[in-house]
Amino acid sequence: MKWIKMLTILNNCRKSDILTVNWGNGLVIKGVIDTFSETDNGLDEANPDYKEYYMCVIEITDIVKLPYNYLFNKKIGDLVELSEVNEPMRIELDNGEVIWEKQD
């Protein structure tokens, strides 16, 4: 799966790397990797829509651009999940090098 490749690339980054994360809705944040973990979508395990997945959590260090027509209620210091559930369009290092880009 494409998003597993994203997590593998992020796992090879240093925790001190400043990442710029861009979503399709216009949101752009900068942040550093906080942790990786397994999680689920919050549904009961008996629910047919229940899903477990892996995620990378980013601590926001800067909010570069707010999303179009979407309320973003996070602030600097908050955590944001990167996963198949919240998959960005592109991730760059602070020097502008694109390390991951969503391929449709």
PDB file of N, CA and C in Angstrom:
ATOM      1  N   MET A   1       0.837  -1.181   0.000  1.00  0.00           N
ATOM      2  CA  MET A   1       0.000   0.000   0.000  1.00  0.00           C
ATOM      3  C   MET A   1       0.881   1.243   0.000  1.00  0.00           C
ATOM      4  N   LYS A   2       0.416   2.276  -0.686  1.00  0.00           N
ATOM      5  CA  LYS A   2       1.209   3.484  -0.848  1.00  0.00           C
ATOM      6  C   LYS A   2       1.486   4.186   0.468  1.00  0.00           C
ATOM      7  N   TRP A   3       0.518   4.208   1.378  1.00  0.00           N
ATOM      8  CA  TRP A   3       0.718   4.929   2.638  1.00  0.00           C
ATOM      9  C   TRP A   3       1.718   4.207   3.532  1.00  0.00           C
ATOM     10  N   ILE A   4       1.884   2.877   3.374  1.00  0.00           N
ATOM     11  CA  ILE A   4       2.907   2.167   4.139  1.00  0.00           C
ATOM     12  C   ILE A   4       4.285   2.642   3.698  1.00  0.00           C
ATOM     13  N   LYS A   5       4.455   2.926   2.409  1.00  0.00           N
ATOM     14  CA  LYS A   5       5.710   3.481   1.916  1.00  0.00           C
ATOM     15  C   LYS A   5       5.969   4.830   2.583  1.00  0.00           C
ATOM     16  N   MET A   6       4.917   5.647   2.747  1.00  0.00           N
ATOM     17  CA  MET A   6       5.053   6.937   3.421  1.00  0.00           C
ATOM     18  C   MET A   6       5.571   6.740   4.846  1.00  0.00           C
ATOM     19  N   LEU A   7       4.996   5.788   5.574  1.00  0.00           N
ATOM     20  CA  LEU A   7       5.425   5.547   6.947  1.00  0.00           C
ATOM     21  C   LEU A   7       6.860   5.032   7.006  1.00  0.00           C
ATOM     22  N   THR A   8       7.248   4.208   6.050  1.00  0.00           N
ATOM     23  CA  THR A   8       8.618   3.707   5.986  1.00  0.00           C
ATOM     24  C   THR A   8       9.601   4.859   5.767  1.00  0.00           C
ATOM     25  N   ILE A   9       9.266   5.770   4.872  1.00  0.00           N
ATOM     26  CA  ILE A   9      10.118   6.936   4.612  1.00  0.00           C
ATOM     27  C   ILE A   9      10.211   7.800   5.863  1.00  0.00           C
ATOM     28  N   LEU A  10       9.073   8.044   6.517  1.00  0.00           N
ATOM     29  CA  LEU A  10       9.079   8.857   7.733  1.00  0.00           C
ATOM     30  C   LEU A  10       9.883   8.189   8.848  1.00  0.00           C
ATOM     31  N   ASN A  11       9.823   6.881   8.917  1.00  0.00           N
ATOM     32  CA  ASN A  11      10.562   6.152   9.942  1.00  0.00           C
ATOM     33  C   ASN A  11      12.070   6.305   9.756  1.00  0.00           C
ATOM     34  N   ASN A  12      12.514   6.593   8.539  1.00  0.00           N
ATOM     35  CA  ASN A  12      13.930   6.794   8.258  1.00  0.00           C
ATOM     36  C   ASN A  12      14.386   8.238   8.481  1.00  0.00           C
ATOM     37  N   CYS A  13      13.449   9.136   8.787  1.00  0.00           N
ATOM     38  CA  CYS A  13      13.799  10.525   9.095  1.00  0.00           C
ATOM     39  C   CYS A  13      14.304  10.626  10.530  1.00  0.00           C
ATOM     40  N   ARG A  14      15.084  11.645  10.790  1.00  0.00           N
ATOM     41  CA  ARG A  14      15.510  11.916  12.162  1.00  0.00           C
ATOM     42  C   ARG A  14      14.379  12.653  12.886  1.00  0.00           C
ATOM     43  N   LYS A  15      14.270  12.428  14.170  1.00  0.00           N
ATOM     44  CA  LYS A  15      13.218  13.105  14.942  1.00  0.00           C
ATOM     45  C   LYS A  15      13.411  14.615  14.960  1.00  0.00           C
ATOM     46  N   SER A  16      14.612  15.080  14.648  1.00  0.00           N
ATOM     47  CA  SER A  16      14.865  16.525  14.623  1.00  0.00           C
ATOM     48  C   SER A  16      14.554  17.150  13.264  1.00  0.00           C
ATOM     49  N   ASP A  17      14.286  16.332  12.238  1.00  0.00           N
ATOM     50  CA  ASP A  17      13.978  16.871  10.911  1.00  0.00           C
ATOM     51  C   ASP A  17      12.673  17.663  10.952  1.00  0.00           C
ATOM     52  N   ILE A  18      12.712  18.875  10.406  1.00  0.00           N
ATOM     53  CA  ILE A  18      11.491  19.669  10.258  1.00  0.00           C
ATOM     54  C   ILE A  18      10.842  19.238   8.947  1.00  0.00           C
ATOM     55  N   LEU A  19       9.607  18.764   9.033  1.00  0.00           N
ATOM     56  CA  LEU A  19       8.876  18.308   7.862  1.00  0.00           C
ATOM     57  C   LEU A  19       7.794  19.318   7.514  1.00  0.00           C
ATOM     58  N   THR A  20       7.597  19.542   6.225  1.00  0.00           N
ATOM     59  CA  THR A  20       6.478  20.353   5.744  1.00  0.00           C
ATOM     60  C   THR A  20       5.484  19.390   5.137  1.00  0.00           C
ATOM     61  N   VAL A  21       4.260  19.404   5.665  1.00  0.00           N
ATOM     62  CA  VAL A  21       3.230  18.454   5.259  1.00  0.00           C
ATOM     63  C   VAL A  21       2.097  19.228   4.597  1.00  0.00           C
ATOM     64  N   ASN A  22       1.738  18.808   3.372  1.00  0.00           N
ATOM     65  CA  ASN A  22       0.705  19.463   2.565  1.00  0.00           C
ATOM     66  C   ASN A  22      -0.455  18.504   2.338  1.00  0.00           C
ATOM     67  N   TRP A  23      -1.668  18.974   2.608  1.00  0.00           N
ATOM     68  CA  TRP A  23      -2.870  18.188   2.321  1.00  0.00           C
ATOM     69  C   TRP A  23      -3.603  18.790   1.130  1.00  0.00           C
ATOM     70  N   GLY A  24      -4.450  18.009   0.511  1.00  0.00           N
ATOM     71  CA  GLY A  24      -5.206  18.437  -0.657  1.00  0.00           C
ATOM     72  C   GLY A  24      -6.199  19.549  -0.383  1.00  0.00           C
ATOM     73  N   ASN A  25      -6.576  19.748   0.867  1.00  0.00           N
ATOM     74  CA  ASN A  25      -7.546  20.800   1.200  1.00  0.00           C
ATOM     75  C   ASN A  25      -6.884  22.161   1.404  1.00  0.00           C
ATOM     76  N   GLY A  26      -5.566  22.245   1.162  1.00  0.00           N
ATOM     77  CA  GLY A  26      -4.844  23.501   1.289  1.00  0.00           C
ATOM     78  C   GLY A  26      -4.065  23.655   2.573  1.00  0.00           C
ATOM     79  N   LEU A  27      -4.294  22.789   3.552  1.00  0.00           N
ATOM     80  CA  LEU A  27      -3.574  22.872   4.822  1.00  0.00           C
ATOM     81  C   LEU A  27      -2.102  22.539   4.616  1.00  0.00           C
ATOM     82  N   VAL A  28      -1.237  23.385   5.174  1.00  0.00           N
ATOM     83  CA  VAL A  28       0.208  23.150   5.159  1.00  0.00           C
ATOM     84  C   VAL A  28       0.714  23.416   6.571  1.00  0.00           C
ATOM     85  N   ILE A  29       1.376  22.416   7.150  1.00  0.00           N
ATOM     86  CA  ILE A  29       1.970  22.580   8.473  1.00  0.00           C
ATOM     87  C   ILE A  29       3.435  22.180   8.419  1.00  0.00           C
ATOM     88  N   LYS A  30       4.181  22.654   9.396  1.00  0.00           N
ATOM     89  CA  LYS A  30       5.541  22.179   9.621  1.00  0.00           C
ATOM     90  C   LYS A  30       5.520  21.480  10.966  1.00  0.00           C
ATOM     91  N   GLY A  31       6.347  20.440  11.084  1.00  0.00           N
ATOM     92  CA  GLY A  31       6.381  19.728  12.339  1.00  0.00           C
ATOM     93  C   GLY A  31       7.512  18.735  12.408  1.00  0.00           C
ATOM     94  N   VAL A  32       7.633  18.116  13.576  1.00  0.00           N
ATOM     95  CA  VAL A  32       8.634  17.094  13.815  1.00  0.00           C
ATOM     96  C   VAL A  32       7.934  15.800  14.225  1.00  0.00           C
ATOM     97  N   ILE A  33       8.576  14.688  13.920  1.00  0.00           N
ATOM     98  CA  ILE A  33       7.999  13.391  14.256  1.00  0.00           C
ATOM     99  C   ILE A  33       7.978  13.219  15.767  1.00  0.00           C
ATOM    100  N   ASP A  34       6.820  12.844  16.282  1.00  0.00           N
ATOM    101  CA  ASP A  34       6.672  12.570  17.703  1.00  0.00           C
ATOM    102  C   ASP A  34       6.769  11.072  17.967  1.00  0.00           C
ATOM    103  N   THR A  35       5.961  10.281  17.267  1.00  0.00           N
ATOM    104  CA  THR A  35       5.949   8.839  17.511  1.00  0.00           C
ATOM    105  C   THR A  35       5.283   8.096  16.359  1.00  0.00           C
ATOM    106  N   PHE A  36       5.431   6.786  16.365  1.00  0.00           N
ATOM    107  CA  PHE A  36       4.732   5.879  15.459  1.00  0.00           C
ATOM    108  C   PHE A  36       3.945   4.916  16.332  1.00  0.00           C
ATOM    109  N   SER A  37       2.762   4.554  15.889  1.00  0.00           N
ATOM    110  CA  SER A  37       1.997   3.572  16.666  1.00  0.00           C
ATOM    111  C   SER A  37       0.916   2.933  15.809  1.00  0.00           C
ATOM    112  N   GLU A  38       0.301   1.930  16.387  1.00  0.00           N
ATOM    113  CA  GLU A  38      -0.851   1.287  15.781  1.00  0.00           C
ATOM    114  C   GLU A  38      -2.083   1.870  16.450  1.00  0.00           C
ATOM    115  N   THR A  39      -3.142   2.066  15.699  1.00  0.00           N
ATOM    116  CA  THR A  39      -4.366   2.632  16.239  1.00  0.00           C
ATOM    117  C   THR A  39      -5.555   2.022  15.506  1.00  0.00           C
ATOM    118  N   ASP A  40      -6.740   2.515  15.815  1.00  0.00           N
ATOM    119  CA  ASP A  40      -7.935   2.074  15.088  1.00  0.00           C
ATOM    120  C   ASP A  40      -8.836   3.279  14.856  1.00  0.00           C
ATOM    121  N   ASN A  41      -9.916   3.045  14.147  1.00  0.00           N
ATOM    122  CA  ASN A  41     -10.805   4.148  13.800  1.00  0.00           C
ATOM    123  C   ASN A  41     -11.879   4.422  14.855  1.00  0.00           C
ATOM    124  N   GLY A  42     -11.733   3.839  16.035  1.00  0.00           N
ATOM    125  CA  GLY A  42     -12.619   4.162  17.142  1.00  0.00           C
ATOM    126  C   GLY A  42     -13.936   3.418  17.168  1.00  0.00           C
ATOM    127  N   LEU A  43     -14.165   2.585  16.174  1.00  0.00           N
ATOM    128  CA  LEU A  43     -15.405   1.813  16.151  1.00  0.00           C
ATOM    129  C   LEU A  43     -15.246   0.532  16.967  1.00  0.00           C
ATOM    130  N   ASP A  44     -16.343  -0.046  17.371  1.00  0.00           N
ATOM    131  CA  ASP A  44     -16.323  -1.318  18.079  1.00  0.00           C
ATOM    132  C   ASP A  44     -15.768  -2.392  17.153  1.00  0.00           C
ATOM    133  N   GLU A  45     -14.992  -3.317  17.705  1.00  0.00           N
ATOM    134  CA  GLU A  45     -14.370  -4.366  16.886  1.00  0.00           C
ATOM    135  C   GLU A  45     -15.390  -5.222  16.149  1.00  0.00           C
ATOM    136  N   ALA A  46     -16.619  -5.316  16.649  1.00  0.00           N
ATOM    137  CA  ALA A  46     -17.655  -6.100  15.994  1.00  0.00           C
ATOM    138  C   ALA A  46     -18.247  -5.373  14.784  1.00  0.00           C
ATOM    139  N   ASN A  47     -18.012  -4.080  14.686  1.00  0.00           N
ATOM    140  CA  ASN A  47     -18.526  -3.289  13.575  1.00  0.00           C
ATOM    141  C   ASN A  47     -17.775  -3.670  12.296  1.00  0.00           C
ATOM    142  N   PRO A  48     -18.480  -3.937  11.196  1.00  0.00           N
ATOM    143  CA  PRO A  48     -17.791  -4.325   9.952  1.00  0.00           C
ATOM    144  C   PRO A  48     -16.889  -3.226   9.391  1.00  0.00           C
ATOM    145  N   ASP A  49     -17.087  -1.976   9.805  1.00  0.00           N
ATOM    146  CA  ASP A  49     -16.243  -0.872   9.340  1.00  0.00           C
ATOM    147  C   ASP A  49     -15.035  -0.625  10.239  1.00  0.00           C
ATOM    148  N   TYR A  50     -14.876  -1.456  11.276  1.00  0.00           N
ATOM    149  CA  TYR A  50     -13.731  -1.326  12.178  1.00  0.00           C
ATOM    150  C   TYR A  50     -12.442  -1.547  11.395  1.00  0.00           C
ATOM    151  N   LYS A  51     -11.434  -0.721  11.685  1.00  0.00           N
ATOM    152  CA  LYS A  51     -10.163  -0.821  10.964  1.00  0.00           C
ATOM    153  C   LYS A  51      -9.014  -0.497  11.913  1.00  0.00           C
ATOM    154  N   GLU A  52      -7.971  -1.312  11.876  1.00  0.00           N
ATOM    155  CA  GLU A  52      -6.719  -1.025  12.558  1.00  0.00           C
ATOM    156  C   GLU A  52      -5.713  -0.569  11.511  1.00  0.00           C
ATOM    157  N   TYR A  53      -4.846   0.357  11.903  1.00  0.00           N
ATOM    158  CA  TYR A  53      -3.841   0.853  10.966  1.00  0.00           C
ATOM    159  C   TYR A  53      -2.678   1.463  11.745  1.00  0.00           C
ATOM    160  N   TYR A  54      -1.583   1.721  11.042  1.00  0.00           N
ATOM    161  CA  TYR A  54      -0.411   2.352  11.633  1.00  0.00           C
ATOM    162  C   TYR A  54      -0.427   3.836  11.305  1.00  0.00           C
ATOM    163  N   MET A  55       0.194   4.614  12.188  1.00  0.00           N
ATOM    164  CA  MET A  55       0.236   6.063  11.971  1.00  0.00           C
ATOM    165  C   MET A  55       1.554   6.631  12.461  1.00  0.00           C
ATOM    166  N   CYS A  56       1.868   7.798  11.950  1.00  0.00           N
ATOM    167  CA  CYS A  56       2.979   8.611  12.434  1.00  0.00           C
ATOM    168  C   CYS A  56       2.345   9.875  13.003  1.00  0.00           C
ATOM    169  N   VAL A  57       2.778  10.262  14.185  1.00  0.00           N
ATOM    170  CA  VAL A  57       2.240  11.466  14.809  1.00  0.00           C
ATOM    171  C   VAL A  57       3.287  12.570  14.688  1.00  0.00           C
ATOM    172  N   ILE A  58       2.844  13.721  14.195  1.00  0.00           N
ATOM    173  CA  ILE A  58       3.702  14.887  13.994  1.00  0.00           C
ATOM    174  C   ILE A  58       3.307  15.964  15.005  1.00  0.00           C
ATOM    175  N   GLU A  59       4.307  16.556  15.663  1.00  0.00           N
ATOM    176  CA  GLU A  59       4.050  17.711  16.522  1.00  0.00           C
ATOM    177  C   GLU A  59       4.164  18.969  15.667  1.00  0.00           C
ATOM    178  N   ILE A  60       3.130  19.784  15.669  1.00  0.00           N
ATOM    179  CA  ILE A  60       3.093  20.998  14.846  1.00  0.00           C
ATOM    180  C   ILE A  60       4.052  22.045  15.415  1.00  0.00           C
ATOM    181  N   THR A  61       4.958  22.530  14.549  1.00  0.00           N
ATOM    182  CA  THR A  61       5.857  23.619  14.932  1.00  0.00           C
ATOM    183  C   THR A  61       5.479  24.930  14.248  1.00  0.00           C
ATOM    184  N   ASP A  62       4.688  24.844  13.163  1.00  0.00           N
ATOM    185  CA  ASP A  62       4.237  26.045  12.445  1.00  0.00           C
ATOM    186  C   ASP A  62       3.026  25.680  11.597  1.00  0.00           C
ATOM    187  N   ILE A  63       2.071  26.578  11.524  1.00  0.00           N
ATOM    188  CA  ILE A  63       0.926  26.421  10.618  1.00  0.00           C
ATOM    189  C   ILE A  63       1.161  27.404   9.485  1.00  0.00           C
ATOM    190  N   VAL A  64       1.573  26.863   8.343  1.00  0.00           N
ATOM    191  CA  VAL A  64       1.972  27.687   7.208  1.00  0.00           C
ATOM    192  C   VAL A  64       0.758  28.236   6.470  1.00  0.00           C
ATOM    193  N   LYS A  65      -0.247  27.383   6.266  1.00  0.00           N
ATOM    194  CA  LYS A  65      -1.429  27.786   5.500  1.00  0.00           C
ATOM    195  C   LYS A  65      -2.632  27.010   6.025  1.00  0.00           C
ATOM    196  N   LEU A  66      -3.722  27.721   6.256  1.00  0.00           N
ATOM    197  CA  LEU A  66      -4.947  27.071   6.717  1.00  0.00           C
ATOM    198  C   LEU A  66      -5.699  26.468   5.536  1.00  0.00           C
ATOM    199  N   PRO A  67      -6.512  25.452   5.784  1.00  0.00           N
ATOM    200  CA  PRO A  67      -7.238  24.780   4.697  1.00  0.00           C
ATOM    201  C   PRO A  67      -8.359  25.643   4.131  1.00  0.00           C
ATOM    202  N   TYR A  68      -8.767  25.301   2.916  1.00  0.00           N
ATOM    203  CA  TYR A  68      -9.878  25.969   2.250  1.00  0.00           C
ATOM    204  C   TYR A  68     -11.179  25.443   2.837  1.00  0.00           C
ATOM    205  N   ASN A  69     -12.070  26.326   3.257  1.00  0.00           N
ATOM    206  CA  ASN A  69     -13.421  25.952   3.708  1.00  0.00           C
ATOM    207  C   ASN A  69     -13.437  24.774   4.682  1.00  0.00           C
ATOM    208  N   TYR A  70     -12.505  24.761   5.622  1.00  0.00           N
ATOM    209  CA  TYR A  70     -12.427  23.664   6.572  1.00  0.00           C
ATOM    210  C   TYR A  70     -11.877  24.215   7.877  1.00  0.00           C
ATOM    211  N   LEU A  71     -12.549  23.905   8.967  1.00  0.00           N
ATOM    212  CA  LEU A  71     -12.106  24.356  10.277  1.00  0.00           C
ATOM    213  C   LEU A  71     -10.931  23.511  10.744  1.00  0.00           C
ATOM    214  N   PHE A  72      -9.827  24.145  11.044  1.00  0.00           N
ATOM    215  CA  PHE A  72      -8.644  23.462  11.571  1.00  0.00           C
ATOM    216  C   PHE A  72      -8.450  23.968  12.986  1.00  0.00           C
ATOM    217  N   ASN A  73      -8.714  23.105  13.949  1.00  0.00           N
ATOM    218  CA  ASN A  73      -8.712  23.540  15.343  1.00  0.00           C
ATOM    219  C   ASN A  73      -7.447  23.128  16.103  1.00  0.00           C
ATOM    220  N   LYS A  74      -6.341  22.993  15.402  1.00  0.00           N
ATOM    221  CA  LYS A  74      -5.063  22.653  16.031  1.00  0.00           C
ATOM    222  C   LYS A  74      -4.214  23.918  16.139  1.00  0.00           C
ATOM    223  N   LYS A  75      -3.252  23.869  17.062  1.00  0.00           N
ATOM    224  CA  LYS A  75      -2.333  24.993  17.236  1.00  0.00           C
ATOM    225  C   LYS A  75      -0.902  24.458  17.350  1.00  0.00           C
ATOM    226  N   ILE A  76       0.056  25.350  17.356  1.00  0.00           N
ATOM    227  CA  ILE A  76       1.452  24.951  17.502  1.00  0.00           C
ATOM    228  C   ILE A  76       1.605  24.163  18.799  1.00  0.00           C
ATOM    229  N   GLY A  77       2.293  23.037  18.700  1.00  0.00           N
ATOM    230  CA  GLY A  77       2.479  22.153  19.848  1.00  0.00           C
ATOM    231  C   GLY A  77       1.511  20.984  19.866  1.00  0.00           C
ATOM    232  N   ASP A  78       0.400  21.095  19.114  1.00  0.00           N
ATOM    233  CA  ASP A  78      -0.560  19.991  19.031  1.00  0.00           C
ATOM    234  C   ASP A  78      -0.006  18.891  18.132  1.00  0.00           C
ATOM    235  N   LEU A  79      -0.639  17.740  18.213  1.00  0.00           N
ATOM    236  CA  LEU A  79      -0.228  16.580  17.431  1.00  0.00           C
ATOM    237  C   LEU A  79      -1.204  16.326  16.296  1.00  0.00           C
ATOM    238  N   VAL A  80      -0.668  15.870  15.154  1.00  0.00           N
ATOM    239  CA  VAL A  80      -1.466  15.540  13.972  1.00  0.00           C
ATOM    240  C   VAL A  80      -1.058  14.157  13.499  1.00  0.00           C
ATOM    241  N   GLU A  81      -2.053  13.355  13.158  1.00  0.00           N
ATOM    242  CA  GLU A  81      -1.821  11.997  12.664  1.00  0.00           C
ATOM    243  C   GLU A  81      -1.590  12.000  11.161  1.00  0.00           C
ATOM    244  N   LEU A  82      -0.572  11.259  10.724  1.00  0.00           N
ATOM    245  CA  LEU A  82      -0.366  10.976   9.305  1.00  0.00           C
ATOM    246  C   LEU A  82      -0.584   9.485   9.137  1.00  0.00           C
ATOM    247  N   SER A  83      -1.558   9.119   8.304  1.00  0.00           N
ATOM    248  CA  SER A  83      -1.907   7.711   8.135  1.00  0.00           C
ATOM    249  C   SER A  83      -2.768   7.571   6.894  1.00  0.00           C
ATOM    250  N   GLU A  84      -3.256   6.359   6.659  1.00  0.00           N
ATOM    251  CA  GLU A  84      -4.176   6.154   5.543  1.00  0.00           C
ATOM    252  C   GLU A  84      -5.486   6.895   5.780  1.00  0.00           C
ATOM    253  N   VAL A  85      -5.800   7.196   7.027  1.00  0.00           N
ATOM    254  CA  VAL A  85      -7.029   7.919   7.361  1.00  0.00           C
ATOM    255  C   VAL A  85      -6.839   9.424   7.186  1.00  0.00           C
ATOM    256  N   ASN A  86      -5.635   9.914   7.382  1.00  0.00           N
ATOM    257  CA  ASN A  86      -5.318  11.337   7.237  1.00  0.00           C
ATOM    258  C   ASN A  86      -4.054  11.474   6.383  1.00  0.00           C
ATOM    259  N   GLU A  87      -4.166  11.011   5.152  1.00  0.00           N
ATOM    260  CA  GLU A  87      -3.016  10.947   4.241  1.00  0.00           C
ATOM    261  C   GLU A  87      -2.784  12.300   3.566  1.00  0.00           C
ATOM    262  N   PRO A  88      -1.587  12.845   3.709  1.00  0.00           N
ATOM    263  CA  PRO A  88      -1.284  14.109   3.037  1.00  0.00           C
ATOM    264  C   PRO A  88      -1.009  13.896   1.554  1.00  0.00           C
ATOM    265  N   MET A  89      -0.901  15.005   0.838  1.00  0.00           N
ATOM    266  CA  MET A  89      -0.563  14.953  -0.591  1.00  0.00           C
ATOM    267  C   MET A  89       0.950  14.917  -0.810  1.00  0.00           C
ATOM    268  N   ARG A  90       1.696  15.626   0.093  1.00  0.00           N
ATOM    269  CA  ARG A  90       3.147  15.718  -0.096  1.00  0.00           C
ATOM    270  C   ARG A  90       3.813  16.012   1.244  1.00  0.00           C
ATOM    271  N   ILE A  91       5.022  15.453   1.400  1.00  0.00           N
ATOM    272  CA  ILE A  91       5.839  15.724   2.585  1.00  0.00           C
ATOM    273  C   ILE A  91       7.228  16.120   2.101  1.00  0.00           C
ATOM    274  N   GLU A  92       7.726  17.234   2.644  1.00  0.00           N
ATOM    275  CA  GLU A  92       9.049  17.747   2.253  1.00  0.00           C
ATOM    276  C   GLU A  92       9.919  17.922   3.490  1.00  0.00           C
ATOM    277  N   LEU A  93      11.227  17.820   3.291  1.00  0.00           N
ATOM    278  CA  LEU A  93      12.166  18.222   4.325  1.00  0.00           C
ATOM    279  C   LEU A  93      12.236  19.739   4.342  1.00  0.00           C
ATOM    280  N   ASP A  94      12.826  20.304   5.375  1.00  0.00           N
ATOM    281  CA  ASP A  94      12.893  21.761   5.505  1.00  0.00           C
ATOM    282  C   ASP A  94      13.677  22.423   4.376  1.00  0.00           C
ATOM    283  N   ASN A  95      14.547  21.665   3.708  1.00  0.00           N
ATOM    284  CA  ASN A  95      15.321  22.224   2.591  1.00  0.00           C
ATOM    285  C   ASN A  95      14.542  22.197   1.268  1.00  0.00           C
ATOM    286  N   GLY A  96      13.272  21.738   1.312  1.00  0.00           N
ATOM    287  CA  GLY A  96      12.437  21.702   0.117  1.00  0.00           C
ATOM    288  C   GLY A  96      12.441  20.384  -0.625  1.00  0.00           C
ATOM    289  N   GLU A  97      13.287  19.442  -0.202  1.00  0.00           N
ATOM    290  CA  GLU A  97      13.336  18.135  -0.857  1.00  0.00           C
ATOM    291  C   GLU A  97      12.055  17.357  -0.568  1.00  0.00           C
ATOM    292  N   VAL A  98      11.368  16.947  -1.629  1.00  0.00           N
ATOM    293  CA  VAL A  98      10.149  16.143  -1.480  1.00  0.00           C
ATOM    294  C   VAL A  98      10.574  14.711  -1.157  1.00  0.00           C
ATOM    295  N   ILE A  99      10.132  14.219   0.009  1.00  0.00           N
ATOM    296  CA  ILE A  99      10.491  12.852   0.395  1.00  0.00           C
ATOM    297  C   ILE A  99       9.350  11.871   0.157  1.00  0.00           C
ATOM    298  N   TRP A 100       8.119  12.393   0.027  1.00  0.00           N
ATOM    299  CA  TRP A 100       6.979  11.527  -0.278  1.00  0.00           C
ATOM    300  C   TRP A 100       5.901  12.367  -0.947  1.00  0.00           C
ATOM    301  N   GLU A 101       5.290  11.777  -1.983  1.00  0.00           N
ATOM    302  CA  GLU A 101       4.184  12.452  -2.669  1.00  0.00           C
ATOM    303  C   GLU A 101       3.146  11.404  -3.031  1.00  0.00           C
ATOM    304  N   LYS A 102       1.904  11.726  -2.767  1.00  0.00           N
ATOM    305  CA  LYS A 102       0.809  10.796  -3.044  1.00  0.00           C
ATOM    306  C   LYS A 102       0.705  10.593  -4.553  1.00  0.00           C
ATOM    307  N   GLN A 103       0.628   9.340  -4.931  1.00  0.00           N
ATOM    308  CA  GLN A 103       0.478   8.982  -6.354  1.00  0.00           C
ATOM    309  C   GLN A 103      -0.921   8.405  -6.544  1.00  0.00           C
ATOM    310  N   ASP A 104      -1.692   8.998  -7.417  1.00  0.00           N
ATOM    311  CA  ASP A 104      -3.052   8.479  -7.678  1.00  0.00           C
ATOM    312  C   ASP A 104      -3.046   7.452  -8.781  1.00  0.00           C
TER     313      ASP A 104
END
